N, C-alpha and C. Protein backbone atom coordinates (compact mmCIF):
# COMPACT_ATOMS: atom_id res chain seq x y z
N MET A 1 216.57 74.46 -85.50
CA MET A 1 217.15 73.17 -85.17
C MET A 1 216.53 72.11 -86.11
N ASN A 2 217.35 71.26 -86.64
CA ASN A 2 216.90 70.20 -87.52
C ASN A 2 216.33 69.06 -86.68
N ASP A 3 215.09 68.64 -86.95
CA ASP A 3 214.45 67.60 -86.16
C ASP A 3 215.15 66.26 -86.25
N ASP A 4 215.82 65.99 -87.35
CA ASP A 4 216.51 64.72 -87.51
C ASP A 4 217.73 64.61 -86.60
N ASN A 5 218.28 65.74 -86.17
CA ASN A 5 219.50 65.72 -85.38
C ASN A 5 219.27 66.25 -83.96
N PHE A 6 218.06 66.22 -83.47
CA PHE A 6 217.79 66.83 -82.18
C PHE A 6 218.54 66.13 -81.04
N LEU A 7 218.79 64.83 -81.16
CA LEU A 7 219.51 64.13 -80.10
C LEU A 7 220.98 64.54 -80.06
N ILE A 8 221.53 64.90 -81.21
CA ILE A 8 222.93 65.32 -81.24
C ILE A 8 223.11 66.62 -80.48
N ASP A 9 222.10 67.49 -80.53
CA ASP A 9 222.19 68.78 -79.87
C ASP A 9 221.97 68.68 -78.36
N GLN A 10 221.43 67.56 -77.87
CA GLN A 10 221.14 67.39 -76.45
C GLN A 10 222.37 66.80 -75.75
N PRO A 11 222.75 67.35 -74.61
CA PRO A 11 223.84 66.72 -73.87
C PRO A 11 223.41 65.33 -73.37
N LEU A 12 224.31 64.36 -73.41
CA LEU A 12 223.98 63.01 -73.02
C LEU A 12 223.68 62.89 -71.53
N SER A 13 224.16 63.80 -70.75
CA SER A 13 223.93 63.72 -69.31
C SER A 13 222.68 64.48 -68.87
N ASP A 14 221.87 64.93 -69.78
CA ASP A 14 220.67 65.68 -69.45
C ASP A 14 219.65 64.74 -68.80
N PRO A 15 219.35 64.89 -67.49
CA PRO A 15 218.43 63.98 -66.83
C PRO A 15 216.99 64.09 -67.33
N ALA A 16 216.66 65.17 -67.99
CA ALA A 16 215.29 65.33 -68.49
C ALA A 16 214.99 64.33 -69.59
N GLY A 17 215.99 63.82 -70.28
CA GLY A 17 215.78 62.88 -71.36
C GLY A 17 215.81 61.43 -70.91
N ILE A 18 216.08 61.19 -69.64
CA ILE A 18 216.17 59.82 -69.13
C ILE A 18 214.88 59.45 -68.44
N GLN A 19 214.32 58.29 -68.81
CA GLN A 19 213.10 57.83 -68.19
C GLN A 19 213.33 56.46 -67.57
N SER A 20 212.67 56.21 -66.50
CA SER A 20 212.76 54.91 -65.84
C SER A 20 211.61 54.03 -66.30
N PHE A 21 211.92 52.78 -66.60
CA PHE A 21 210.90 51.84 -67.05
C PHE A 21 210.87 50.62 -66.13
N GLY A 22 210.88 50.83 -64.83
CA GLY A 22 210.87 49.72 -63.89
C GLY A 22 209.50 49.09 -63.76
N TRP A 23 209.48 47.88 -63.19
CA TRP A 23 208.22 47.19 -62.91
C TRP A 23 207.52 47.88 -61.76
N PRO A 24 206.20 47.85 -61.73
CA PRO A 24 205.50 48.43 -60.59
C PRO A 24 205.85 47.65 -59.32
N ALA A 25 205.93 48.36 -58.23
CA ALA A 25 206.27 47.72 -56.97
C ALA A 25 205.17 46.75 -56.55
N ALA A 26 205.58 45.58 -56.07
CA ALA A 26 204.61 44.58 -55.62
C ALA A 26 204.10 44.96 -54.23
N ASP A 27 202.84 44.71 -54.01
CA ASP A 27 202.23 44.97 -52.70
C ASP A 27 202.62 43.81 -51.77
N PRO A 28 203.43 44.06 -50.74
CA PRO A 28 203.89 42.96 -49.89
C PRO A 28 202.75 42.28 -49.14
N ILE A 29 201.74 43.01 -48.77
CA ILE A 29 200.61 42.39 -48.05
C ILE A 29 199.87 41.44 -48.97
N ARG A 30 199.64 41.85 -50.21
CA ARG A 30 198.96 41.00 -51.19
C ARG A 30 199.80 39.76 -51.49
N SER A 31 201.12 39.92 -51.58
CA SER A 31 202.00 38.79 -51.85
C SER A 31 201.93 37.76 -50.74
N VAL A 32 201.92 38.20 -49.50
CA VAL A 32 201.82 37.29 -48.36
C VAL A 32 200.46 36.61 -48.34
N ALA A 33 199.40 37.37 -48.60
CA ALA A 33 198.06 36.80 -48.61
C ALA A 33 197.93 35.74 -49.71
N ASP A 34 198.50 35.99 -50.88
CA ASP A 34 198.47 35.00 -51.96
C ASP A 34 199.22 33.74 -51.57
N ALA A 35 200.39 33.89 -50.97
CA ALA A 35 201.18 32.73 -50.56
C ALA A 35 200.45 31.93 -49.49
N LEU A 36 199.82 32.61 -48.54
CA LEU A 36 199.07 31.90 -47.50
C LEU A 36 197.88 31.15 -48.09
N MET A 37 197.19 31.76 -49.03
CA MET A 37 196.04 31.09 -49.63
C MET A 37 196.48 29.83 -50.37
N ARG A 38 197.56 29.94 -51.13
CA ARG A 38 198.02 28.79 -51.91
C ARG A 38 198.53 27.65 -51.03
N THR A 39 199.03 27.96 -49.87
CA THR A 39 199.62 26.92 -49.02
C THR A 39 198.68 26.41 -47.94
N THR A 40 197.57 27.10 -47.69
CA THR A 40 196.70 26.68 -46.59
C THR A 40 195.33 26.21 -47.03
N VAL A 41 194.99 26.33 -48.29
CA VAL A 41 193.66 25.91 -48.75
C VAL A 41 193.60 24.38 -48.68
N SER A 42 192.50 23.87 -48.16
CA SER A 42 192.36 22.41 -48.02
C SER A 42 191.69 21.82 -49.25
N ALA A 43 191.77 20.51 -49.37
CA ALA A 43 191.16 19.83 -50.51
C ALA A 43 189.64 20.01 -50.53
N ASP A 44 189.03 20.24 -49.37
CA ASP A 44 187.58 20.40 -49.30
C ASP A 44 187.13 21.85 -49.44
N ALA A 45 188.06 22.76 -49.68
CA ALA A 45 187.70 24.17 -49.86
C ALA A 45 186.86 24.33 -51.12
N VAL A 46 185.87 25.20 -51.07
CA VAL A 46 185.01 25.48 -52.21
C VAL A 46 185.43 26.83 -52.78
N LEU A 47 185.76 26.83 -54.08
CA LEU A 47 186.29 28.03 -54.72
C LEU A 47 185.44 28.43 -55.92
N THR A 48 185.37 29.71 -56.17
CA THR A 48 184.72 30.22 -57.37
C THR A 48 185.67 30.00 -58.56
N PRO A 49 185.15 30.08 -59.78
CA PRO A 49 186.05 29.98 -60.93
C PRO A 49 187.16 31.04 -60.88
N ALA A 50 186.85 32.24 -60.44
CA ALA A 50 187.88 33.29 -60.34
C ALA A 50 188.95 32.90 -59.33
N ASP A 51 188.55 32.28 -58.22
CA ASP A 51 189.52 31.81 -57.23
C ASP A 51 190.44 30.75 -57.83
N VAL A 52 189.86 29.83 -58.59
CA VAL A 52 190.66 28.76 -59.21
C VAL A 52 191.66 29.37 -60.19
N VAL A 53 191.22 30.30 -61.01
CA VAL A 53 192.12 30.96 -61.96
C VAL A 53 193.26 31.62 -61.20
N HIS A 54 192.94 32.30 -60.11
CA HIS A 54 193.97 32.97 -59.32
C HIS A 54 194.94 31.96 -58.70
N MET A 55 194.41 30.84 -58.23
CA MET A 55 195.24 29.84 -57.56
C MET A 55 196.20 29.13 -58.51
N ILE A 56 195.72 28.74 -59.70
CA ILE A 56 196.58 27.97 -60.58
C ILE A 56 197.25 28.82 -61.65
N GLY A 57 196.78 30.04 -61.83
CA GLY A 57 197.39 30.93 -62.82
C GLY A 57 196.99 30.54 -64.23
N GLY A 58 197.49 31.27 -65.17
CA GLY A 58 197.19 31.00 -66.58
C GLY A 58 196.17 31.98 -67.12
N ARG A 59 195.90 31.84 -68.40
CA ARG A 59 194.93 32.71 -69.05
C ARG A 59 193.53 32.35 -68.58
N GLU A 60 192.79 33.35 -68.19
CA GLU A 60 191.49 33.14 -67.57
C GLU A 60 190.54 32.33 -68.46
N GLY A 61 190.44 32.68 -69.72
CA GLY A 61 189.53 31.97 -70.61
C GLY A 61 189.89 30.50 -70.76
N VAL A 62 191.17 30.21 -70.86
CA VAL A 62 191.63 28.82 -71.01
C VAL A 62 191.33 28.03 -69.74
N VAL A 63 191.61 28.61 -68.58
CA VAL A 63 191.38 27.91 -67.31
C VAL A 63 189.88 27.69 -67.10
N ARG A 64 189.06 28.68 -67.39
CA ARG A 64 187.61 28.52 -67.22
C ARG A 64 187.05 27.44 -68.14
N ASN A 65 187.52 27.38 -69.39
CA ASN A 65 187.07 26.32 -70.29
C ASN A 65 187.49 24.95 -69.77
N TRP A 66 188.73 24.85 -69.30
CA TRP A 66 189.22 23.60 -68.74
C TRP A 66 188.39 23.19 -67.52
N LEU A 67 188.06 24.14 -66.66
CA LEU A 67 187.22 23.84 -65.49
C LEU A 67 185.89 23.23 -65.91
N ARG A 68 185.23 23.86 -66.88
CA ARG A 68 183.92 23.37 -67.33
C ARG A 68 184.02 21.96 -67.90
N GLU A 69 185.12 21.65 -68.58
CA GLU A 69 185.25 20.36 -69.25
C GLU A 69 185.81 19.27 -68.35
N ALA A 70 186.69 19.60 -67.41
CA ALA A 70 187.46 18.57 -66.70
C ALA A 70 187.12 18.41 -65.22
N VAL A 71 186.46 19.39 -64.63
CA VAL A 71 186.24 19.37 -63.18
C VAL A 71 184.75 19.36 -62.89
N PRO A 72 184.29 18.41 -62.06
CA PRO A 72 182.87 18.42 -61.70
C PRO A 72 182.53 19.68 -60.88
N SER A 73 181.46 20.34 -61.27
CA SER A 73 181.08 21.57 -60.59
C SER A 73 180.06 21.28 -59.49
N LEU A 74 179.96 22.22 -58.58
CA LEU A 74 178.97 22.19 -57.51
C LEU A 74 178.07 23.40 -57.68
N ARG A 75 176.84 23.29 -57.22
CA ARG A 75 175.93 24.44 -57.27
C ARG A 75 175.85 25.07 -55.89
N HIS A 76 176.22 26.31 -55.83
CA HIS A 76 176.10 27.10 -54.61
C HIS A 76 174.62 27.40 -54.39
N PRO A 77 174.16 27.55 -53.15
CA PRO A 77 172.74 27.88 -52.92
C PRO A 77 172.27 29.13 -53.65
N SER A 78 173.20 30.03 -53.96
CA SER A 78 172.82 31.24 -54.68
C SER A 78 172.71 31.01 -56.19
N GLY A 79 173.04 29.80 -56.64
CA GLY A 79 172.96 29.50 -58.06
C GLY A 79 174.29 29.60 -58.79
N ARG A 80 175.30 30.10 -58.12
CA ARG A 80 176.62 30.20 -58.74
C ARG A 80 177.25 28.82 -58.87
N THR A 81 178.17 28.70 -59.80
CA THR A 81 178.94 27.48 -59.96
C THR A 81 180.23 27.61 -59.15
N VAL A 82 180.51 26.61 -58.35
CA VAL A 82 181.73 26.59 -57.55
C VAL A 82 182.41 25.24 -57.73
N TYR A 83 183.66 25.15 -57.29
CA TYR A 83 184.45 23.94 -57.45
C TYR A 83 185.14 23.57 -56.15
N ARG A 84 185.25 22.28 -55.91
CA ARG A 84 185.99 21.77 -54.75
C ARG A 84 187.46 21.71 -55.15
N TRP A 85 188.34 22.27 -54.33
CA TRP A 85 189.75 22.38 -54.65
C TRP A 85 190.37 21.00 -54.90
N GLY A 86 189.98 19.99 -54.13
CA GLY A 86 190.50 18.64 -54.33
C GLY A 86 190.16 18.11 -55.72
N ASP A 87 188.97 18.43 -56.23
CA ASP A 87 188.58 18.00 -57.58
C ASP A 87 189.43 18.70 -58.64
N VAL A 88 189.76 19.95 -58.39
CA VAL A 88 190.63 20.69 -59.32
C VAL A 88 192.01 20.03 -59.36
N LEU A 89 192.56 19.71 -58.19
CA LEU A 89 193.88 19.08 -58.14
C LEU A 89 193.85 17.71 -58.80
N ASP A 90 192.78 16.94 -58.57
CA ASP A 90 192.66 15.63 -59.20
C ASP A 90 192.64 15.75 -60.73
N ALA A 91 191.90 16.72 -61.24
CA ALA A 91 191.84 16.92 -62.69
C ALA A 91 193.21 17.33 -63.25
N MET A 92 193.95 18.11 -62.49
CA MET A 92 195.29 18.49 -62.93
C MET A 92 196.21 17.27 -62.96
N LYS A 93 196.07 16.38 -61.98
CA LYS A 93 196.90 15.16 -61.98
C LYS A 93 196.56 14.28 -63.16
N ARG A 94 195.29 14.16 -63.49
CA ARG A 94 194.88 13.34 -64.63
C ARG A 94 195.42 13.91 -65.94
N ALA A 95 195.51 15.22 -66.02
CA ALA A 95 195.97 15.87 -67.25
C ALA A 95 197.48 15.77 -67.42
N ALA A 96 198.20 15.53 -66.34
CA ALA A 96 199.67 15.51 -66.40
C ALA A 96 200.19 14.25 -67.06
C-alpha cells in the first residue's frame, strides 16, 4: 500500500478513523461553587492572591503584578500577603 494514498484505501464510514475532539465536561458542583463565591463574597472578605486571580480571571502573572502595584496588601498572622476584596474592587474601578 502506498503511504501517500492510505486515506483513499480507507472507507469513509470507518468509525476507527473518526475521533472526537470535544471540550472536557465541566464539573457542575465546581461551577455552582464558583458562582456562589463570586456572588456572595463581601467587600470585607480577605482573599489570597490565588483567590483574587480566580475571582477576577485573567493571566495569573499579570493579575499578581497588578495586585502588588495597585492594591494595598494586608499581612496575615502567618506572614502571608492577603487582600481585602473591597480594595480589589476599588482598584479595578480606578483602572476603568
